Amino acid sequence: PPPTPPCTKSERFDAMLQQVRTWESLGLTAPGRRGEILLGTYAGAKNAEVVRALKACYCDYGALRLAGDLIFKLLKGAMARKA
């Protein structure tokens, strides 16, 4: 069976962050705008202050959480085509 999805906002953010770190460790890239966004997520994931700030925004503000989920979904789709 597939893994159980994270149940809290904080756990969802942590799972997305881990996925981004995995993509980077695999050396995955993307063309165009998605590639620019991906490189930005790689850089942000390495900065503890940025991670804390984004996590607070993700957990506390629904509109930002929705935007984060949409961006992650786009990146995840691009990375799935790479695998």
PDB file of N, CA and C in Angstrom:
ATOM      1  N   PRO A   1       0.835  -1.197   0.000  1.00  0.00           N
ATOM      2  CA  PRO A   1       0.000   0.000   0.000  1.00  0.00           C
ATOM      3  C   PRO A   1       0.879   1.260   0.000  1.00  0.00           C
ATOM      4  N   PRO A   2       0.368   2.373  -0.554  1.00  0.00           N
ATOM      5  CA  PRO A   2       1.139   3.611  -0.542  1.00  0.00           C
ATOM      6  C   PRO A   2       1.279   4.134   0.884  1.00  0.00           C
ATOM      7  N   PRO A   3       2.326   4.940   1.136  1.00  0.00           N
ATOM      8  CA  PRO A   3       2.486   5.474   2.486  1.00  0.00           C
ATOM      9  C   PRO A   3       1.320   6.377   2.859  1.00  0.00           C
ATOM     10  N   THR A   4       1.029   6.433   4.139  1.00  0.00           N
ATOM     11  CA  THR A   4      -0.033   7.297   4.632  1.00  0.00           C
ATOM     12  C   THR A   4       0.387   8.749   4.469  1.00  0.00           C
ATOM     13  N   PRO A   5      -0.463   9.600   3.883  1.00  0.00           N
ATOM     14  CA  PRO A   5      -0.082  10.997   3.710  1.00  0.00           C
ATOM     15  C   PRO A   5       0.026  11.707   5.063  1.00  0.00           C
ATOM     16  N   PRO A   6       0.892  12.713   5.150  1.00  0.00           N
ATOM     17  CA  PRO A   6       1.007  13.462   6.403  1.00  0.00           C
ATOM     18  C   PRO A   6      -0.331  14.063   6.784  1.00  0.00           C
ATOM     19  N   CYS A   7      -0.601  14.140   8.095  1.00  0.00           N
ATOM     20  CA  CYS A   7      -1.932  14.564   8.525  1.00  0.00           C
ATOM     21  C   CYS A   7      -1.982  16.007   9.017  1.00  0.00           C
ATOM     22  N   THR A   8      -0.863  16.604   9.334  1.00  0.00           N
ATOM     23  CA  THR A   8      -0.904  17.980   9.796  1.00  0.00           C
ATOM     24  C   THR A   8      -0.212  18.882   8.780  1.00  0.00           C
ATOM     25  N   LYS A   9      -0.500  20.164   8.873  1.00  0.00           N
ATOM     26  CA  LYS A   9       0.135  21.126   7.970  1.00  0.00           C
ATOM     27  C   LYS A   9       1.649  21.078   8.112  1.00  0.00           C
ATOM     28  N   SER A  10       2.112  21.008   9.341  1.00  0.00           N
ATOM     29  CA  SER A  10       3.553  20.958   9.595  1.00  0.00           C
ATOM     30  C   SER A  10       4.174  19.703   8.990  1.00  0.00           C
ATOM     31  N   GLU A  11       3.512  18.579   9.146  1.00  0.00           N
ATOM     32  CA  GLU A  11       4.014  17.325   8.575  1.00  0.00           C
ATOM     33  C   GLU A  11       4.003  17.370   7.055  1.00  0.00           C
ATOM     34  N   ARG A  12       2.970  17.985   6.464  1.00  0.00           N
ATOM     35  CA  ARG A  12       2.925  18.119   5.000  1.00  0.00           C
ATOM     36  C   ARG A  12       4.090  18.972   4.510  1.00  0.00           C
ATOM     37  N   PHE A  13       4.346  20.084   5.198  1.00  0.00           N
ATOM     38  CA  PHE A  13       5.471  20.936   4.813  1.00  0.00           C
ATOM     39  C   PHE A  13       6.776  20.152   4.911  1.00  0.00           C
ATOM     40  N   ASP A  14       6.960  19.437   6.010  1.00  0.00           N
ATOM     41  CA  ASP A  14       8.185  18.657   6.199  1.00  0.00           C
ATOM     42  C   ASP A  14       8.352  17.601   5.099  1.00  0.00           C
ATOM     43  N   ALA A  15       7.251  16.970   4.706  1.00  0.00           N
ATOM     44  CA  ALA A  15       7.314  15.957   3.650  1.00  0.00           C
ATOM     45  C   ALA A  15       7.691  16.590   2.310  1.00  0.00           C
ATOM     46  N   MET A  16       7.141  17.769   2.012  1.00  0.00           N
ATOM     47  CA  MET A  16       7.496  18.459   0.771  1.00  0.00           C
ATOM     48  C   MET A  16       8.963  18.881   0.797  1.00  0.00           C
ATOM     49  N   LEU A  17       9.417  19.386   1.930  1.00  0.00           N
ATOM     50  CA  LEU A  17      10.816  19.792   2.068  1.00  0.00           C
ATOM     51  C   LEU A  17      11.746  18.598   1.852  1.00  0.00           C
ATOM     52  N   GLN A  18      11.401  17.473   2.429  1.00  0.00           N
ATOM     53  CA  GLN A  18      12.217  16.270   2.248  1.00  0.00           C
ATOM     54  C   GLN A  18      12.242  15.837   0.785  1.00  0.00           C
ATOM     55  N   GLN A  19      11.114  15.953   0.111  1.00  0.00           N
ATOM     56  CA  GLN A  19      11.056  15.582  -1.304  1.00  0.00           C
ATOM     57  C   GLN A  19      11.947  16.495  -2.138  1.00  0.00           C
ATOM     58  N   VAL A  20      11.926  17.792  -1.850  1.00  0.00           N
ATOM     59  CA  VAL A  20      12.785  18.737  -2.570  1.00  0.00           C
ATOM     60  C   VAL A  20      14.253  18.385  -2.338  1.00  0.00           C
ATOM     61  N   ARG A  21      14.595  18.063  -1.116  1.00  0.00           N
ATOM     62  CA  ARG A  21      15.986  17.685  -0.815  1.00  0.00           C
ATOM     63  C   ARG A  21      16.378  16.401  -1.541  1.00  0.00           C
ATOM     64  N   THR A  22      15.441  15.489  -1.678  1.00  0.00           N
ATOM     65  CA  THR A  22      15.709  14.253  -2.417  1.00  0.00           C
ATOM     66  C   THR A  22      15.949  14.559  -3.890  1.00  0.00           C
ATOM     67  N   TRP A  23      15.101  15.409  -4.477  1.00  0.00           N
ATOM     68  CA  TRP A  23      15.304  15.778  -5.876  1.00  0.00           C
ATOM     69  C   TRP A  23      16.687  16.376  -6.085  1.00  0.00           C
ATOM     70  N   GLU A  24      17.083  17.251  -5.152  1.00  0.00           N
ATOM     71  CA  GLU A  24      18.396  17.877  -5.299  1.00  0.00           C
ATOM     72  C   GLU A  24      19.507  16.839  -5.188  1.00  0.00           C
ATOM     73  N   SER A  25      19.390  15.920  -4.239  1.00  0.00           N
ATOM     74  CA  SER A  25      20.429  14.903  -4.063  1.00  0.00           C
ATOM     75  C   SER A  25      20.552  14.004  -5.296  1.00  0.00           C
ATOM     76  N   LEU A  26      19.467  13.870  -6.050  1.00  0.00           N
ATOM     77  CA  LEU A  26      19.475  13.082  -7.286  1.00  0.00           C
ATOM     78  C   LEU A  26      19.953  13.904  -8.487  1.00  0.00           C
ATOM     79  N   GLY A  27      20.165  15.210  -8.257  1.00  0.00           N
ATOM     80  CA  GLY A  27      20.621  16.078  -9.333  1.00  0.00           C
ATOM     81  C   GLY A  27      19.557  16.400 -10.359  1.00  0.00           C
ATOM     82  N   LEU A  28      18.284  16.323  -9.956  1.00  0.00           N
ATOM     83  CA  LEU A  28      17.206  16.579 -10.904  1.00  0.00           C
ATOM     84  C   LEU A  28      17.077  18.063 -11.216  1.00  0.00           C
ATOM     85  N   THR A  29      16.820  18.368 -12.470  1.00  0.00           N
ATOM     86  CA  THR A  29      16.622  19.731 -12.932  1.00  0.00           C
ATOM     87  C   THR A  29      15.374  19.768 -13.804  1.00  0.00           C
ATOM     88  N   ALA A  30      14.990  20.960 -14.187  1.00  0.00           N
ATOM     89  CA  ALA A  30      13.838  21.127 -15.080  1.00  0.00           C
ATOM     90  C   ALA A  30      14.145  22.299 -16.008  1.00  0.00           C
ATOM     91  N   PRO A  31      13.548  22.306 -17.190  1.00  0.00           N
ATOM     92  CA  PRO A  31      13.788  23.411 -18.113  1.00  0.00           C
ATOM     93  C   PRO A  31      12.945  24.638 -17.767  1.00  0.00           C
ATOM     94  N   GLY A  32      13.384  25.784 -18.259  1.00  0.00           N
ATOM     95  CA  GLY A  32      12.579  27.007 -18.190  1.00  0.00           C
ATOM     96  C   GLY A  32      12.244  27.482 -16.791  1.00  0.00           C
ATOM     97  N   ARG A  33      11.048  28.035 -16.689  1.00  0.00           N
ATOM     98  CA  ARG A  33      10.590  28.621 -15.421  1.00  0.00           C
ATOM     99  C   ARG A  33      10.566  27.601 -14.282  1.00  0.00           C
ATOM    100  N   ARG A  34      10.116  26.402 -14.591  1.00  0.00           N
ATOM    101  CA  ARG A  34      10.077  25.389 -13.529  1.00  0.00           C
ATOM    102  C   ARG A  34      11.480  25.115 -13.009  1.00  0.00           C
ATOM    103  N   GLY A  35      12.456  25.147 -13.894  1.00  0.00           N
ATOM    104  CA  GLY A  35      13.842  24.970 -13.467  1.00  0.00           C
ATOM    105  C   GLY A  35      14.301  26.087 -12.555  1.00  0.00           C
ATOM    106  N   GLU A  36      13.907  27.318 -12.874  1.00  0.00           N
ATOM    107  CA  GLU A  36      14.254  28.457 -12.022  1.00  0.00           C
ATOM    108  C   GLU A  36      13.620  28.306 -10.642  1.00  0.00           C
ATOM    109  N   ILE A  37      12.360  27.905 -10.631  1.00  0.00           N
ATOM    110  CA  ILE A  37      11.662  27.700  -9.355  1.00  0.00           C
ATOM    111  C   ILE A  37      12.324  26.576  -8.574  1.00  0.00           C
ATOM    112  N   LEU A  38      12.664  25.509  -9.263  1.00  0.00           N
ATOM    113  CA  LEU A  38      13.297  24.367  -8.605  1.00  0.00           C
ATOM    114  C   LEU A  38      14.630  24.764  -7.980  1.00  0.00           C
ATOM    115  N   LEU A  39      15.453  25.515  -8.725  1.00  0.00           N
ATOM    116  CA  LEU A  39      16.736  25.960  -8.171  1.00  0.00           C
ATOM    117  C   LEU A  39      16.526  26.843  -6.946  1.00  0.00           C
ATOM    118  N   GLY A  40      15.489  27.668  -6.972  1.00  0.00           N
ATOM    119  CA  GLY A  40      15.166  28.495  -5.807  1.00  0.00           C
ATOM    120  C   GLY A  40      14.746  27.658  -4.609  1.00  0.00           C
ATOM    121  N   THR A  41      13.995  26.594  -4.861  1.00  0.00           N
ATOM    122  CA  THR A  41      13.598  25.734  -3.739  1.00  0.00           C
ATOM    123  C   THR A  41      14.809  25.008  -3.171  1.00  0.00           C
ATOM    124  N   TYR A  42      15.737  24.607  -4.043  1.00  0.00           N
ATOM    125  CA  TYR A  42      16.961  23.960  -3.558  1.00  0.00           C
ATOM    126  C   TYR A  42      17.730  24.919  -2.652  1.00  0.00           C
ATOM    127  N   ALA A  43      17.875  26.163  -3.088  1.00  0.00           N
ATOM    128  CA  ALA A  43      18.612  27.149  -2.291  1.00  0.00           C
ATOM    129  C   ALA A  43      17.901  27.414  -0.969  1.00  0.00           C
ATOM    130  N   GLY A  44      16.587  27.607  -1.022  1.00  0.00           N
ATOM    131  CA  GLY A  44      15.829  27.879   0.195  1.00  0.00           C
ATOM    132  C   GLY A  44      15.861  26.730   1.183  1.00  0.00           C
ATOM    133  N   ALA A  45      15.858  25.503   0.677  1.00  0.00           N
ATOM    134  CA  ALA A  45      15.848  24.323   1.546  1.00  0.00           C
ATOM    135  C   ALA A  45      17.145  24.179   2.334  1.00  0.00           C
ATOM    136  N   LYS A  46      18.193  24.868   1.911  1.00  0.00           N
ATOM    137  CA  LYS A  46      19.484  24.800   2.602  1.00  0.00           C
ATOM    138  C   LYS A  46      19.627  25.860   3.685  1.00  0.00           C
ATOM    139  N   ASN A  47      18.688  26.798   3.744  1.00  0.00           N
ATOM    140  CA  ASN A  47      18.780  27.912   4.675  1.00  0.00           C
ATOM    141  C   ASN A  47      17.736  27.728   5.780  1.00  0.00           C
ATOM    142  N   ALA A  48      18.214  27.448   6.985  1.00  0.00           N
ATOM    143  CA  ALA A  48      17.305  27.141   8.099  1.00  0.00           C
ATOM    144  C   ALA A  48      16.341  28.286   8.389  1.00  0.00           C
ATOM    145  N   GLU A  49      16.785  29.530   8.278  1.00  0.00           N
ATOM    146  CA  GLU A  49      15.898  30.672   8.541  1.00  0.00           C
ATOM    147  C   GLU A  49      14.797  30.766   7.489  1.00  0.00           C
ATOM    148  N   VAL A  50      15.134  30.517   6.240  1.00  0.00           N
ATOM    149  CA  VAL A  50      14.138  30.529   5.170  1.00  0.00           C
ATOM    150  C   VAL A  50      13.142  29.395   5.387  1.00  0.00           C
ATOM    151  N   VAL A  51      13.638  28.221   5.723  1.00  0.00           N
ATOM    152  CA  VAL A  51      12.754  27.071   5.969  1.00  0.00           C
ATOM    153  C   VAL A  51      11.783  27.384   7.101  1.00  0.00           C
ATOM    154  N   ARG A  52      12.279  27.944   8.209  1.00  0.00           N
ATOM    155  CA  ARG A  52      11.391  28.278   9.341  1.00  0.00           C
ATOM    156  C   ARG A  52      10.332  29.298   8.932  1.00  0.00           C
ATOM    157  N   ALA A  53      10.747  30.326   8.186  1.00  0.00           N
ATOM    158  CA  ALA A  53       9.793  31.357   7.769  1.00  0.00           C
ATOM    159  C   ALA A  53       8.735  30.785   6.834  1.00  0.00           C
ATOM    160  N   LEU A  54       9.163  29.992   5.854  1.00  0.00           N
ATOM    161  CA  LEU A  54       8.198  29.402   4.921  1.00  0.00           C
ATOM    162  C   LEU A  54       7.262  28.420   5.621  1.00  0.00           C
ATOM    163  N   LYS A  55       7.799  27.686   6.582  1.00  0.00           N
ATOM    164  CA  LYS A  55       6.956  26.736   7.326  1.00  0.00           C
ATOM    165  C   LYS A  55       5.897  27.483   8.128  1.00  0.00           C
ATOM    166  N   ALA A  56       6.283  28.588   8.754  1.00  0.00           N
ATOM    167  CA  ALA A  56       5.310  29.385   9.515  1.00  0.00           C
ATOM    168  C   ALA A  56       4.228  29.918   8.586  1.00  0.00           C
ATOM    169  N   CYS A  57       4.629  30.442   7.426  1.00  0.00           N
ATOM    170  CA  CYS A  57       3.647  30.936   6.450  1.00  0.00           C
ATOM    171  C   CYS A  57       2.740  29.809   5.984  1.00  0.00           C
ATOM    172  N   TYR A  58       3.337  28.657   5.678  1.00  0.00           N
ATOM    173  CA  TYR A  58       2.566  27.518   5.183  1.00  0.00           C
ATOM    174  C   TYR A  58       1.543  27.057   6.223  1.00  0.00           C
ATOM    175  N   CYS A  59       1.948  27.002   7.458  1.00  0.00           N
ATOM    176  CA  CYS A  59       1.060  26.493   8.511  1.00  0.00           C
ATOM    177  C   CYS A  59      -0.001  27.498   8.945  1.00  0.00           C
ATOM    178  N   ASP A  60       0.331  28.797   8.869  1.00  0.00           N
ATOM    179  CA  ASP A  60      -0.559  29.807   9.442  1.00  0.00           C
ATOM    180  C   ASP A  60      -1.465  30.539   8.455  1.00  0.00           C
ATOM    181  N   TYR A  61      -1.133  30.494   7.165  1.00  0.00           N
ATOM    182  CA  TYR A  61      -1.882  31.291   6.190  1.00  0.00           C
ATOM    183  C   TYR A  61      -2.396  30.413   5.053  1.00  0.00           C
ATOM    184  N   GLY A  62      -3.697  30.240   5.037  1.00  0.00           N
ATOM    185  CA  GLY A  62      -4.322  29.342   4.064  1.00  0.00           C
ATOM    186  C   GLY A  62      -4.023  29.683   2.614  1.00  0.00           C
ATOM    187  N   ALA A  63      -4.052  30.965   2.268  1.00  0.00           N
ATOM    188  CA  ALA A  63      -3.799  31.351   0.875  1.00  0.00           C
ATOM    189  C   ALA A  63      -2.364  31.001   0.462  1.00  0.00           C
ATOM    190  N   LEU A  64      -1.417  31.208   1.365  1.00  0.00           N
ATOM    191  CA  LEU A  64      -0.027  30.868   1.061  1.00  0.00           C
ATOM    192  C   LEU A  64       0.163  29.354   1.016  1.00  0.00           C
ATOM    193  N   ARG A  65      -0.567  28.643   1.858  1.00  0.00           N
ATOM    194  CA  ARG A  65      -0.499  27.182   1.852  1.00  0.00           C
ATOM    195  C   ARG A  65      -1.028  26.651   0.511  1.00  0.00           C
ATOM    196  N   LEU A  66      -2.121  27.213   0.047  1.00  0.00           N
ATOM    197  CA  LEU A  66      -2.681  26.808  -1.241  1.00  0.00           C
ATOM    198  C   LEU A  66      -1.673  27.065  -2.362  1.00  0.00           C
ATOM    199  N   ALA A  67      -1.053  28.236  -2.346  1.00  0.00           N
ATOM    200  CA  ALA A  67      -0.047  28.555  -3.364  1.00  0.00           C
ATOM    201  C   ALA A  67       1.125  27.587  -3.279  1.00  0.00           C
ATOM    202  N   GLY A  68       1.581  27.306  -2.066  1.00  0.00           N
ATOM    203  CA  GLY A  68       2.681  26.361  -1.881  1.00  0.00           C
ATOM    204  C   GLY A  68       2.330  24.974  -2.395  1.00  0.00           C
ATOM    205  N   ASP A  69       1.118  24.540  -2.122  1.00  0.00           N
ATOM    206  CA  ASP A  69       0.677  23.225  -2.598  1.00  0.00           C
ATOM    207  C   ASP A  69       0.636  23.178  -4.128  1.00  0.00           C
ATOM    208  N   LEU A  70       0.172  24.259  -4.744  1.00  0.00           N
ATOM    209  CA  LEU A  70       0.110  24.302  -6.203  1.00  0.00           C
ATOM    210  C   LEU A  70       1.499  24.288  -6.828  1.00  0.00           C
ATOM    211  N   ILE A  71       2.404  25.076  -6.273  1.00  0.00           N
ATOM    212  CA  ILE A  71       3.778  25.099  -6.781  1.00  0.00           C
ATOM    213  C   ILE A  71       4.413  23.726  -6.626  1.00  0.00           C
ATOM    214  N   PHE A  72       4.239  23.117  -5.460  1.00  0.00           N
ATOM    215  CA  PHE A  72       4.815  21.795  -5.243  1.00  0.00           C
ATOM    216  C   PHE A  72       4.234  20.778  -6.221  1.00  0.00           C
ATOM    217  N   LYS A  73       2.930  20.870  -6.477  1.00  0.00           N
ATOM    218  CA  LYS A  73       2.289  19.946  -7.409  1.00  0.00           C
ATOM    219  C   LYS A  73       2.893  20.092  -8.811  1.00  0.00           C
ATOM    220  N   LEU A  74       3.118  21.320  -9.257  1.00  0.00           N
ATOM    221  CA  LEU A  74       3.740  21.542 -10.563  1.00  0.00           C
ATOM    222  C   LEU A  74       5.142  20.948 -10.614  1.00  0.00           C
ATOM    223  N   LEU A  75       5.923  21.201  -9.575  1.00  0.00           N
ATOM    224  CA  LEU A  75       7.281  20.663  -9.537  1.00  0.00           C
ATOM    225  C   LEU A  75       7.275  19.141  -9.463  1.00  0.00           C
ATOM    226  N   LYS A  76       6.377  18.608  -8.668  1.00  0.00           N
ATOM    227  CA  LYS A  76       6.297  17.152  -8.526  1.00  0.00           C
ATOM    228  C   LYS A  76       5.964  16.500  -9.866  1.00  0.00           C
ATOM    229  N   GLY A  77       5.061  17.111 -10.617  1.00  0.00           N
ATOM    230  CA  GLY A  77       4.727  16.583 -11.937  1.00  0.00           C
ATOM    231  C   GLY A  77       5.924  16.613 -12.875  1.00  0.00           C
ATOM    232  N   ALA A  78       6.677  17.702 -12.848  1.00  0.00           N
ATOM    233  CA  ALA A  78       7.870  17.809 -13.683  1.00  0.00           C
ATOM    234  C   ALA A  78       8.915  16.772 -13.270  1.00  0.00           C
ATOM    235  N   MET A  79       9.061  16.541 -11.998  1.00  0.00           N
ATOM    236  CA  MET A  79      10.054  15.576 -11.516  1.00  0.00           C
ATOM    237  C   MET A  79       9.620  14.146 -11.804  1.00  0.00           C
ATOM    238  N   ALA A  80       8.304  13.896 -11.789  1.00  0.00           N
ATOM    239  CA  ALA A  80       7.804  12.547 -12.095  1.00  0.00           C
ATOM    240  C   ALA A  80       8.144  12.171 -13.535  1.00  0.00           C
ATOM    241  N   ARG A  81       8.122  13.154 -14.425  1.00  0.00           N
ATOM    242  CA  ARG A  81       8.463  12.885 -15.817  1.00  0.00           C
ATOM    243  C   ARG A  81       9.952  12.627 -15.979  1.00  0.00           C
ATOM    244  N   LYS A  82      10.776  13.075 -15.019  1.00  0.00           N
ATOM    245  CA  LYS A  82      12.219  12.853 -15.060  1.00  0.00           C
ATOM    246  C   LYS A  82      12.579  11.445 -14.613  1.00  0.00           C
ATOM    247  N   ALA A  83      11.764  10.903 -13.712  1.00  0.00           N
ATOM    248  CA  ALA A  83      12.084   9.602 -13.114  1.00  0.00           C
ATOM    249  C   ALA A  83      11.806   8.460 -14.067  1.00  0.00           C
TER     250      ALA A  83
END
